[in-house]
Amino acid sequence: MAKQKRTSKNERQLSLANAHGCIYQLNLPDELMKRVATKCPILHSGGKSGDHRGLRYIVLNDSSLLTSKHILGDLKKEIQKQLSQMEKGGIYVPTMMSNIEWVLAAPNTRNTQCGQKHRDTPYKVPGYLTVLIFFGQRKQRGYGSALIWQNSSDFMPDDLYIPNDNKNYHNHTRKLKKLDGGMGLIVKVKEYNCVIFDSRLIHQSLPHSQPPGAHRVSLTFYLTLQNLSRPPRTDSEGYRFGSLTWCELVCDGRWRLEIVILGR
């Protein structure tokens, strides 16, 4: 029994060390991706490019209407399995899943703007992981991606947590230039459908400029290592948009709309 406890402690310490500044790009099975996207929200644009001009829209996953707890549990198990099977630098201890949200980018051929540079957690310790899963026509031109600044987990550690830092954001422009050069990693969405990274890493979304009908839909959530505090609620907590429909991802990568409308 004592040996088992020591092994567990060693695994936790190794996992925390590996979580520091980590970026994992994974491929989740197609069948699981289809199950997750069976009832996911998209923006109803009426077929016109640019009807929704915001960079992105955030919708909480209501498991009674959207992706169920059972499917999310299977998703977490698959991710946990892949993380534990890394040849080096893996995560070997259980994690807690929370803050499950859909991030939507409407079709907009005029969109050339990136999202704000930000980090997802105010905490300064490793062990908080952000998961981004990409749906839609991610292999087609204009889908966009995410840019993550490697080695930025300790850069300006008190700043750029979006819910608390919007007022001061523009004061950081000069400091952020220090992150330019070879430190930025663009997620390879044509090769991978999932990226998991240290939530302290500074990142931003890249423009989605596909034509009408080609939505970019991402599912995002936290994975938190054992014995750490639960991540804070985000600024989108408790809110969902009225102009949303369910959709189903069919085999050819296109979206089939359902007629169920989500109210406010």
C-alpha atoms as a PDB file:
ATOM      1  CA  MET A   1       0.000   0.000   0.000  1.00  0.00           C
ATOM      2  CA  ALA A   2       2.821   2.404   0.886  1.00  0.00           C
ATOM      3  CA  LYS A   3       4.481   1.740  -2.468  1.00  0.00           C
ATOM      4  CA  GLN A   4       1.216   2.515  -4.271  1.00  0.00           C
ATOM      5  CA  LYS A   5       0.937   5.884  -2.476  1.00  0.00           C
ATOM      6  CA  ARG A   6       4.516   6.787  -3.376  1.00  0.00           C
ATOM      7  CA  THR A   7       3.877   5.905  -7.022  1.00  0.00           C
ATOM      8  CA  SER A   8       0.731   8.042  -7.046  1.00  0.00           C
ATOM      9  CA  LYS A   9       2.649  10.972  -5.548  1.00  0.00           C
ATOM     10  CA  ASN A  10       5.413  10.580  -8.111  1.00  0.00           C
ATOM     11  CA  GLU A  11       2.892  10.502 -10.937  1.00  0.00           C
ATOM     12  CA  ARG A  12       1.258  13.672  -9.645  1.00  0.00           C
ATOM     13  CA  GLN A  13       4.585  15.480  -9.370  1.00  0.00           C
ATOM     14  CA  LEU A  14       5.580  14.355 -12.854  1.00  0.00           C
ATOM     15  CA  SER A  15       2.200  15.384 -14.281  1.00  0.00           C
ATOM     16  CA  LEU A  16       2.446  18.846 -12.709  1.00  0.00           C
ATOM     17  CA  ALA A  17       5.947  19.240 -14.137  1.00  0.00           C
ATOM     18  CA  ASN A  18       4.759  18.151 -17.583  1.00  0.00           C
ATOM     19  CA  ALA A  19       1.737  20.482 -17.425  1.00  0.00           C
ATOM     20  CA  HIS A  20       4.034  23.504 -17.096  1.00  0.00           C
ATOM     21  CA  GLY A  21       3.940  25.277 -20.463  1.00  0.00           C
ATOM     22  CA  CYS A  22       2.579  22.191 -22.223  1.00  0.00           C
ATOM     23  CA  ILE A  23       0.968  22.120 -25.669  1.00  0.00           C
ATOM     24  CA  TYR A  24      -0.473  18.815 -26.904  1.00  0.00           C
ATOM     25  CA  GLN A  25      -1.996  18.424 -30.365  1.00  0.00           C
ATOM     26  CA  LEU A  26      -4.220  15.339 -30.612  1.00  0.00           C
ATOM     27  CA  ASN A  27      -6.603  13.585 -32.962  1.00  0.00           C
ATOM     28  CA  LEU A  28      -9.842  12.363 -31.413  1.00  0.00           C
ATOM     29  CA  PRO A  29     -11.672   9.465 -33.159  1.00  0.00           C
ATOM     30  CA  ASP A  30     -14.145  10.499 -35.869  1.00  0.00           C
ATOM     31  CA  GLU A  31     -16.991   8.525 -34.287  1.00  0.00           C
ATOM     32  CA  LEU A  32     -16.517  10.325 -30.968  1.00  0.00           C
ATOM     33  CA  MET A  33     -16.365  13.691 -32.733  1.00  0.00           C
ATOM     34  CA  LYS A  34     -19.683  12.944 -34.428  1.00  0.00           C
ATOM     35  CA  ARG A  35     -21.302  12.004 -31.119  1.00  0.00           C
ATOM     36  CA  VAL A  36     -20.074  15.188 -29.441  1.00  0.00           C
ATOM     37  CA  ALA A  37     -21.403  17.338 -32.307  1.00  0.00           C
ATOM     38  CA  THR A  38     -24.794  15.634 -32.596  1.00  0.00           C
ATOM     39  CA  LYS A  39     -26.449  18.526 -30.730  1.00  0.00           C
ATOM     40  CA  CYS A  40     -24.174  21.531 -30.780  1.00  0.00           C
ATOM     41  CA  PRO A  41     -25.061  25.188 -31.375  1.00  0.00           C
ATOM     42  CA  ILE A  42     -24.238  27.237 -34.459  1.00  0.00           C
ATOM     43  CA  LEU A  43     -25.050  30.812 -35.386  1.00  0.00           C
ATOM     44  CA  HIS A  44     -28.049  31.096 -37.674  1.00  0.00           C
ATOM     45  CA  SER A  45     -26.879  33.668 -40.215  1.00  0.00           C
ATOM     46  CA  GLY A  46     -29.684  33.344 -42.751  1.00  0.00           C
ATOM     47  CA  GLY A  47     -27.159  32.470 -45.442  1.00  0.00           C
ATOM     48  CA  LYS A  48     -25.604  35.922 -45.590  1.00  0.00           C
ATOM     49  CA  SER A  49     -21.952  36.550 -44.906  1.00  0.00           C
ATOM     50  CA  GLY A  50     -21.290  39.001 -42.125  1.00  0.00           C
ATOM     51  CA  ASP A  51     -24.704  38.919 -40.410  1.00  0.00           C
ATOM     52  CA  HIS A  52     -22.853  38.266 -37.148  1.00  0.00           C
ATOM     53  CA  ARG A  53     -19.854  40.550 -37.147  1.00  0.00           C
ATOM     54  CA  GLY A  54     -18.473  39.709 -33.719  1.00  0.00           C
ATOM     55  CA  LEU A  55     -15.237  37.759 -33.626  1.00  0.00           C
ATOM     56  CA  ARG A  56     -16.834  34.968 -31.640  1.00  0.00           C
ATOM     57  CA  TYR A  57     -19.863  34.012 -29.579  1.00  0.00           C
ATOM     58  CA  ILE A  58     -19.804  31.834 -26.465  1.00  0.00           C
ATOM     59  CA  VAL A  59     -22.558  29.436 -25.425  1.00  0.00           C
ATOM     60  CA  LEU A  60     -22.598  27.326 -22.282  1.00  0.00           C
ATOM     61  CA  ASN A  61     -23.160  23.639 -22.874  1.00  0.00           C
ATOM     62  CA  ASP A  62     -26.560  22.880 -21.365  1.00  0.00           C
ATOM     63  CA  SER A  63     -26.352  19.089 -21.132  1.00  0.00           C
ATOM     64  CA  SER A  64     -30.147  18.781 -21.158  1.00  0.00           C
ATOM     65  CA  LEU A  65     -30.271  20.465 -24.585  1.00  0.00           C
ATOM     66  CA  LEU A  66     -26.831  20.109 -26.130  1.00  0.00           C
ATOM     67  CA  THR A  67     -24.058  17.544 -25.618  1.00  0.00           C
ATOM     68  CA  SER A  68     -25.010  15.141 -22.823  1.00  0.00           C
ATOM     69  CA  LYS A  69     -23.031  14.380 -19.684  1.00  0.00           C
ATOM     70  CA  HIS A  70     -22.586  10.798 -20.852  1.00  0.00           C
ATOM     71  CA  ILE A  71     -20.961  11.830 -24.132  1.00  0.00           C
ATOM     72  CA  LEU A  72     -18.812  14.423 -22.354  1.00  0.00           C
ATOM     73  CA  GLY A  73     -17.678  11.679 -19.977  1.00  0.00           C
ATOM     74  CA  ASP A  74     -16.598   9.521 -22.909  1.00  0.00           C
ATOM     75  CA  LEU A  75     -14.792  12.517 -24.397  1.00  0.00           C
ATOM     76  CA  LYS A  76     -12.884  13.131 -21.168  1.00  0.00           C
ATOM     77  CA  LYS A  77     -11.902   9.456 -20.927  1.00  0.00           C
ATOM     78  CA  GLU A  78     -10.495   9.474 -24.461  1.00  0.00           C
ATOM     79  CA  ILE A  79      -8.488  12.641 -23.859  1.00  0.00           C
ATOM     80  CA  GLN A  80      -7.208  11.353 -20.517  1.00  0.00           C
ATOM     81  CA  LYS A  81      -6.148   8.088 -22.196  1.00  0.00           C
ATOM     82  CA  GLN A  82      -4.227   9.872 -24.947  1.00  0.00           C
ATOM     83  CA  LEU A  83      -2.526  12.200 -22.464  1.00  0.00           C
ATOM     84  CA  SER A  84      -1.405   9.256 -20.316  1.00  0.00           C
ATOM     85  CA  GLN A  85       0.022   7.424 -23.335  1.00  0.00           C
ATOM     86  CA  MET A  86       2.397  10.178 -24.411  1.00  0.00           C
ATOM     87  CA  GLU A  87       5.908   8.824 -24.920  1.00  0.00           C
ATOM     88  CA  LYS A  88       7.204  11.686 -22.818  1.00  0.00           C
ATOM     89  CA  GLY A  89       5.698  14.676 -21.083  1.00  0.00           C
ATOM     90  CA  GLY A  90       2.260  13.145 -20.484  1.00  0.00           C
ATOM     91  CA  ILE A  91      -0.406  13.653 -17.820  1.00  0.00           C
ATOM     92  CA  TYR A  92      -0.772  10.521 -15.691  1.00  0.00           C
ATOM     93  CA  VAL A  93      -3.251  11.484 -12.968  1.00  0.00           C
ATOM     94  CA  PRO A  94      -7.038  12.000 -13.133  1.00  0.00           C
ATOM     95  CA  THR A  95      -8.378  15.428 -14.020  1.00  0.00           C
ATOM     96  CA  MET A  96     -11.610  17.333 -13.379  1.00  0.00           C
ATOM     97  CA  MET A  97     -13.625  18.636 -16.360  1.00  0.00           C
ATOM     98  CA  SER A  98     -15.369  22.014 -15.989  1.00  0.00           C
ATOM     99  CA  ASN A  99     -16.445  25.270 -17.709  1.00  0.00           C
ATOM    100  CA  ILE A 100     -17.747  23.517 -20.825  1.00  0.00           C
ATOM    101  CA  GLU A 101     -18.540  26.056 -23.551  1.00  0.00           C
ATOM    102  CA  TRP A 102     -19.058  26.266 -27.301  1.00  0.00           C
ATOM    103  CA  VAL A 103     -17.122  29.000 -29.117  1.00  0.00           C
ATOM    104  CA  LEU A 104     -18.761  30.019 -32.395  1.00  0.00           C
ATOM    105  CA  ALA A 105     -17.345  31.947 -35.344  1.00  0.00           C
ATOM    106  CA  ALA A 106     -19.936  32.904 -37.939  1.00  0.00           C
ATOM    107  CA  PRO A 107     -19.227  32.730 -41.680  1.00  0.00           C
ATOM    108  CA  ASN A 108     -17.779  36.071 -42.661  1.00  0.00           C
ATOM    109  CA  THR A 109     -15.632  36.437 -45.785  1.00  0.00           C
ATOM    110  CA  ARG A 110     -14.630  39.947 -44.685  1.00  0.00           C
ATOM    111  CA  ASN A 111     -13.208  38.915 -41.344  1.00  0.00           C
ATOM    112  CA  THR A 112      -9.494  39.727 -41.053  1.00  0.00           C
ATOM    113  CA  GLN A 113      -9.339  40.399 -37.323  1.00  0.00           C
ATOM    114  CA  CYS A 114      -7.726  38.233 -34.676  1.00  0.00           C
ATOM    115  CA  GLY A 115      -9.147  37.781 -31.212  1.00  0.00           C
ATOM    116  CA  GLN A 116      -7.614  39.388 -28.154  1.00  0.00           C
ATOM    117  CA  LYS A 117      -4.397  37.984 -26.755  1.00  0.00           C
ATOM    118  CA  HIS A 118      -5.306  36.493 -23.395  1.00  0.00           C
ATOM    119  CA  ARG A 119      -4.805  33.660 -20.930  1.00  0.00           C
ATOM    120  CA  ASP A 120      -7.578  31.512 -19.506  1.00  0.00           C
ATOM    121  CA  THR A 121      -6.687  31.423 -15.821  1.00  0.00           C
ATOM    122  CA  PRO A 122      -5.557  33.885 -13.132  1.00  0.00           C
ATOM    123  CA  TYR A 123      -3.654  31.128 -11.316  1.00  0.00           C
ATOM    124  CA  LYS A 124       0.144  31.133 -11.399  1.00  0.00           C
ATOM    125  CA  VAL A 125       0.665  27.415 -10.761  1.00  0.00           C
ATOM    126  CA  PRO A 126       0.638  24.623 -13.379  1.00  0.00           C
ATOM    127  CA  GLY A 127      -2.090  22.022 -13.512  1.00  0.00           C
ATOM    128  CA  TYR A 128      -4.853  23.932 -15.327  1.00  0.00           C
ATOM    129  CA  LEU A 129      -5.282  22.794 -18.926  1.00  0.00           C
ATOM    130  CA  THR A 130      -7.394  24.382 -21.662  1.00  0.00           C
ATOM    131  CA  VAL A 131      -8.933  22.000 -24.195  1.00  0.00           C
ATOM    132  CA  LEU A 132      -9.993  23.217 -27.659  1.00  0.00           C
ATOM    133  CA  ILE A 133     -11.763  20.825 -30.041  1.00  0.00           C
ATOM    134  CA  PHE A 134     -12.408  21.967 -33.619  1.00  0.00           C
ATOM    135  CA  PHE A 135     -15.487  21.069 -35.699  1.00  0.00           C
ATOM    136  CA  GLY A 136     -16.628  22.038 -39.172  1.00  0.00           C
ATOM    137  CA  GLN A 137     -14.637  22.311 -42.381  1.00  0.00           C
ATOM    138  CA  ARG A 138     -11.292  22.713 -40.649  1.00  0.00           C
ATOM    139  CA  LYS A 139      -9.285  21.451 -43.635  1.00  0.00           C
ATOM    140  CA  GLN A 140     -10.682  24.126 -45.944  1.00  0.00           C
ATOM    141  CA  ARG A 141      -9.129  27.526 -46.608  1.00  0.00           C
ATOM    142  CA  GLY A 142     -10.247  30.328 -44.312  1.00  0.00           C
ATOM    143  CA  TYR A 143     -11.191  28.122 -41.350  1.00  0.00           C
ATOM    144  CA  GLY A 144      -8.695  29.910 -39.097  1.00  0.00           C
ATOM    145  CA  SER A 145      -6.979  28.522 -36.031  1.00  0.00           C
ATOM    146  CA  ALA A 146      -5.501  29.556 -32.692  1.00  0.00           C
ATOM    147  CA  LEU A 147      -2.098  31.069 -32.021  1.00  0.00           C
ATOM    148  CA  ILE A 148      -0.400  30.100 -28.754  1.00  0.00           C
ATOM    149  CA  TRP A 149       2.708  31.799 -27.418  1.00  0.00           C
ATOM    150  CA  GLN A 150       5.036  29.093 -26.185  1.00  0.00           C
ATOM    151  CA  ASN A 151       6.962  29.762 -22.973  1.00  0.00           C
ATOM    152  CA  SER A 152       4.519  32.541 -22.032  1.00  0.00           C
ATOM    153  CA  SER A 153       3.126  30.844 -18.903  1.00  0.00           C
ATOM    154  CA  ASP A 154       5.316  33.031 -16.666  1.00  0.00           C
ATOM    155  CA  PHE A 155       5.243  36.123 -18.887  1.00  0.00           C
ATOM    156  CA  MET A 156       3.316  38.984 -17.191  1.00  0.00           C
ATOM    157  CA  PRO A 157       1.710  36.460 -14.803  1.00  0.00           C
ATOM    158  CA  ASP A 158      -0.667  39.011 -13.241  1.00  0.00           C
ATOM    159  CA  ASP A 159      -2.102  40.235 -16.537  1.00  0.00           C
ATOM    160  CA  LEU A 160      -4.227  39.277 -19.533  1.00  0.00           C
ATOM    161  CA  TYR A 161      -6.820  37.183 -17.728  1.00  0.00           C
ATOM    162  CA  ILE A 162      -9.699  38.449 -19.866  1.00  0.00           C
ATOM    163  CA  PRO A 163     -12.648  38.695 -17.420  1.00  0.00           C
ATOM    164  CA  ASN A 164     -10.607  40.856 -15.032  1.00  0.00           C
ATOM    165  CA  ASP A 165      -8.328  42.691 -17.408  1.00  0.00           C
ATOM    166  CA  ASN A 166     -10.300  44.233 -20.265  1.00  0.00           C
ATOM    167  CA  LYS A 167      -9.737  47.813 -19.071  1.00  0.00           C
ATOM    168  CA  ASN A 168      -5.971  47.432 -18.994  1.00  0.00           C
ATOM    169  CA  TYR A 169      -5.608  45.310 -22.113  1.00  0.00           C
ATOM    170  CA  HIS A 170      -4.399  48.016 -24.484  1.00  0.00           C
ATOM    171  CA  ASN A 171      -1.679  49.090 -22.040  1.00  0.00           C
ATOM    172  CA  HIS A 172       0.099  45.812 -22.708  1.00  0.00           C
ATOM    173  CA  THR A 173       0.737  46.285 -26.421  1.00  0.00           C
ATOM    174  CA  ARG A 174       4.435  47.114 -26.099  1.00  0.00           C
ATOM    175  CA  LYS A 175       5.058  44.324 -23.603  1.00  0.00           C
ATOM    176  CA  LEU A 176       3.326  41.802 -25.812  1.00  0.00           C
ATOM    177  CA  LYS A 177       5.721  42.561 -28.658  1.00  0.00           C
ATOM    178  CA  LYS A 178       8.303  40.679 -26.621  1.00  0.00           C
ATOM    179  CA  LEU A 179       6.350  37.536 -27.443  1.00  0.00           C
ATOM    180  CA  ASP A 180       6.750  37.982 -31.188  1.00  0.00           C
ATOM    181  CA  GLY A 181       9.300  36.076 -33.206  1.00  0.00           C
ATOM    182  CA  GLY A 182       9.663  32.329 -32.894  1.00  0.00           C
ATOM    183  CA  MET A 183       7.573  31.886 -29.743  1.00  0.00           C
ATOM    184  CA  GLY A 184       4.160  31.635 -31.417  1.00  0.00           C
ATOM    185  CA  LEU A 185       2.720  28.268 -32.384  1.00  0.00           C
ATOM    186  CA  ILE A 186      -0.225  28.080 -34.789  1.00  0.00           C
ATOM    187  CA  VAL A 187      -2.389  25.055 -34.043  1.00  0.00           C
ATOM    188  CA  LYS A 188      -2.333  22.699 -37.037  1.00  0.00           C
ATOM    189  CA  VAL A 189      -6.102  22.310 -37.419  1.00  0.00           C
ATOM    190  CA  LYS A 190      -5.739  20.537 -40.782  1.00  0.00           C
ATOM    191  CA  GLU A 191      -3.797  17.765 -39.056  1.00  0.00           C
ATOM    192  CA  TYR A 192      -5.260  17.761 -35.545  1.00  0.00           C
ATOM    193  CA  ASN A 193      -8.799  18.257 -34.254  1.00  0.00           C
ATOM    194  CA  CYS A 194      -7.840  18.913 -30.622  1.00  0.00           C
ATOM    195  CA  VAL A 195      -5.267  20.997 -28.782  1.00  0.00           C
ATOM    196  CA  ILE A 196      -4.637  20.962 -25.032  1.00  0.00           C
ATOM    197  CA  PHE A 197      -2.373  23.524 -23.408  1.00  0.00           C
ATOM    198  CA  ASP A 198      -1.346  25.141 -20.139  1.00  0.00           C
ATOM    199  CA  SER A 199      -4.158  27.623 -19.406  1.00  0.00           C
ATOM    200  CA  ARG A 200      -1.555  30.232 -18.394  1.00  0.00           C
ATOM    201  CA  LEU A 201      -0.189  30.395 -21.944  1.00  0.00           C
ATOM    202  CA  ILE A 202      -1.161  33.553 -23.836  1.00  0.00           C
ATOM    203  CA  HIS A 203      -3.143  32.826 -26.982  1.00  0.00           C
ATOM    204  CA  GLN A 204      -5.609  34.297 -29.446  1.00  0.00           C
ATOM    205  CA  SER A 205      -8.048  33.126 -32.107  1.00  0.00           C
ATOM    206  CA  LEU A 206      -7.168  33.711 -35.758  1.00  0.00           C
ATOM    207  CA  PRO A 207      -9.655  35.029 -38.355  1.00  0.00           C
ATOM    208  CA  HIS A 208     -12.432  32.813 -39.663  1.00  0.00           C
ATOM    209  CA  SER A 209     -13.145  33.957 -43.220  1.00  0.00           C
ATOM    210  CA  GLN A 210     -14.993  31.072 -44.815  1.00  0.00           C
ATOM    211  CA  PRO A 211     -18.123  31.706 -46.914  1.00  0.00           C
ATOM    212  CA  PRO A 212     -21.739  31.243 -45.762  1.00  0.00           C
ATOM    213  CA  GLY A 213     -22.501  27.749 -44.535  1.00  0.00           C
ATOM    214  CA  ALA A 214     -18.941  27.049 -43.352  1.00  0.00           C
ATOM    215  CA  HIS A 215     -19.096  27.610 -39.618  1.00  0.00           C
ATOM    216  CA  ARG A 216     -16.181  27.287 -37.233  1.00  0.00           C
ATOM    217  CA  VAL A 217     -17.398  25.639 -34.057  1.00  0.00           C
ATOM    218  CA  SER A 218     -15.122  24.789 -31.142  1.00  0.00           C
ATOM    219  CA  LEU A 219     -15.801  23.063 -27.852  1.00  0.00           C
ATOM    220  CA  THR A 220     -13.662  24.279 -24.985  1.00  0.00           C
ATOM    221  CA  PHE A 221     -13.294  23.345 -21.333  1.00  0.00           C
ATOM    222  CA  TYR A 222     -10.812  23.017 -18.485  1.00  0.00           C
ATOM    223  CA  LEU A 223      -9.085  19.876 -17.307  1.00  0.00           C
ATOM    224  CA  THR A 224      -7.735  20.467 -13.807  1.00  0.00           C
ATOM    225  CA  LEU A 225      -5.268  18.159 -12.114  1.00  0.00           C
ATOM    226  CA  GLN A 226      -6.150  16.519  -8.807  1.00  0.00           C
ATOM    227  CA  ASN A 227      -6.218  18.567  -5.585  1.00  0.00           C
ATOM    228  CA  LEU A 228      -6.195  21.975  -7.289  1.00  0.00           C
ATOM    229  CA  SER A 229      -8.894  24.601  -6.779  1.00  0.00           C
ATOM    230  CA  ARG A 230     -11.798  24.588  -9.193  1.00  0.00           C
ATOM    231  CA  PRO A 231     -11.269  27.121 -12.013  1.00  0.00           C
ATOM    232  CA  PRO A 232     -13.262  30.373 -11.692  1.00  0.00           C
ATOM    233  CA  ARG A 233     -16.517  30.886 -13.537  1.00  0.00           C
ATOM    234  CA  THR A 234     -15.993  32.678 -16.830  1.00  0.00           C
ATOM    235  CA  ASP A 235     -17.610  35.962 -17.901  1.00  0.00           C
ATOM    236  CA  SER A 236     -19.966  33.997 -20.168  1.00  0.00           C
ATOM    237  CA  GLU A 237     -21.368  31.897 -17.313  1.00  0.00           C
ATOM    238  CA  GLY A 238     -25.138  31.654 -17.333  1.00  0.00           C
ATOM    239  CA  TYR A 239     -25.658  33.169 -20.781  1.00  0.00           C
ATOM    240  CA  ARG A 240     -26.739  31.781 -24.104  1.00  0.00           C
ATOM    241  CA  PHE A 241     -27.832  33.442 -27.288  1.00  0.00           C
ATOM    242  CA  GLY A 242     -31.338  33.475 -28.695  1.00  0.00           C
ATOM    243  CA  SER A 243     -30.434  33.143 -32.394  1.00  0.00           C
ATOM    244  CA  LEU A 244     -29.069  29.611 -32.224  1.00  0.00           C
ATOM    245  CA  THR A 245     -30.109  26.299 -33.697  1.00  0.00           C
ATOM    246  CA  TRP A 246     -28.976  22.783 -33.041  1.00  0.00           C
ATOM    247  CA  CYS A 247     -26.998  21.094 -35.756  1.00  0.00           C
ATOM    248  CA  GLU A 248     -25.607  17.719 -36.601  1.00  0.00           C
ATOM    249  CA  LEU A 249     -22.208  17.054 -38.136  1.00  0.00           C
ATOM    250  CA  VAL A 250     -22.729  14.612 -40.977  1.00  0.00           C
ATOM    251  CA  CYS A 251     -20.113  12.385 -42.575  1.00  0.00           C
ATOM    252  CA  ASP A 252     -19.040  14.777 -45.322  1.00  0.00           C
ATOM    253  CA  GLY A 253     -18.111  17.473 -42.793  1.00  0.00           C
ATOM    254  CA  ARG A 254     -21.105  19.687 -43.518  1.00  0.00           C
ATOM    255  CA  TRP A 255     -23.745  20.859 -41.070  1.00  0.00           C
ATOM    256  CA  ARG A 256     -27.341  19.656 -41.110  1.00  0.00           C
ATOM    257  CA  LEU A 257     -29.599  22.073 -39.250  1.00  0.00           C
ATOM    258  CA  GLU A 258     -32.359  20.962 -36.925  1.00  0.00           C
ATOM    259  CA  ILE A 259     -35.433  23.110 -36.265  1.00  0.00           C
ATOM    260  CA  VAL A 260     -35.100  23.342 -32.495  1.00  0.00           C
ATOM    261  CA  ILE A 261     -34.535  26.955 -31.435  1.00  0.00           C
ATOM    262  CA  LEU A 262     -32.803  27.826 -28.190  1.00  0.00           C
ATOM    263  CA  GLY A 263     -34.301  30.803 -26.374  1.00  0.00           C
ATOM    264  CA  ARG A 264     -32.583  33.171 -23.975  1.00  0.00           C
END
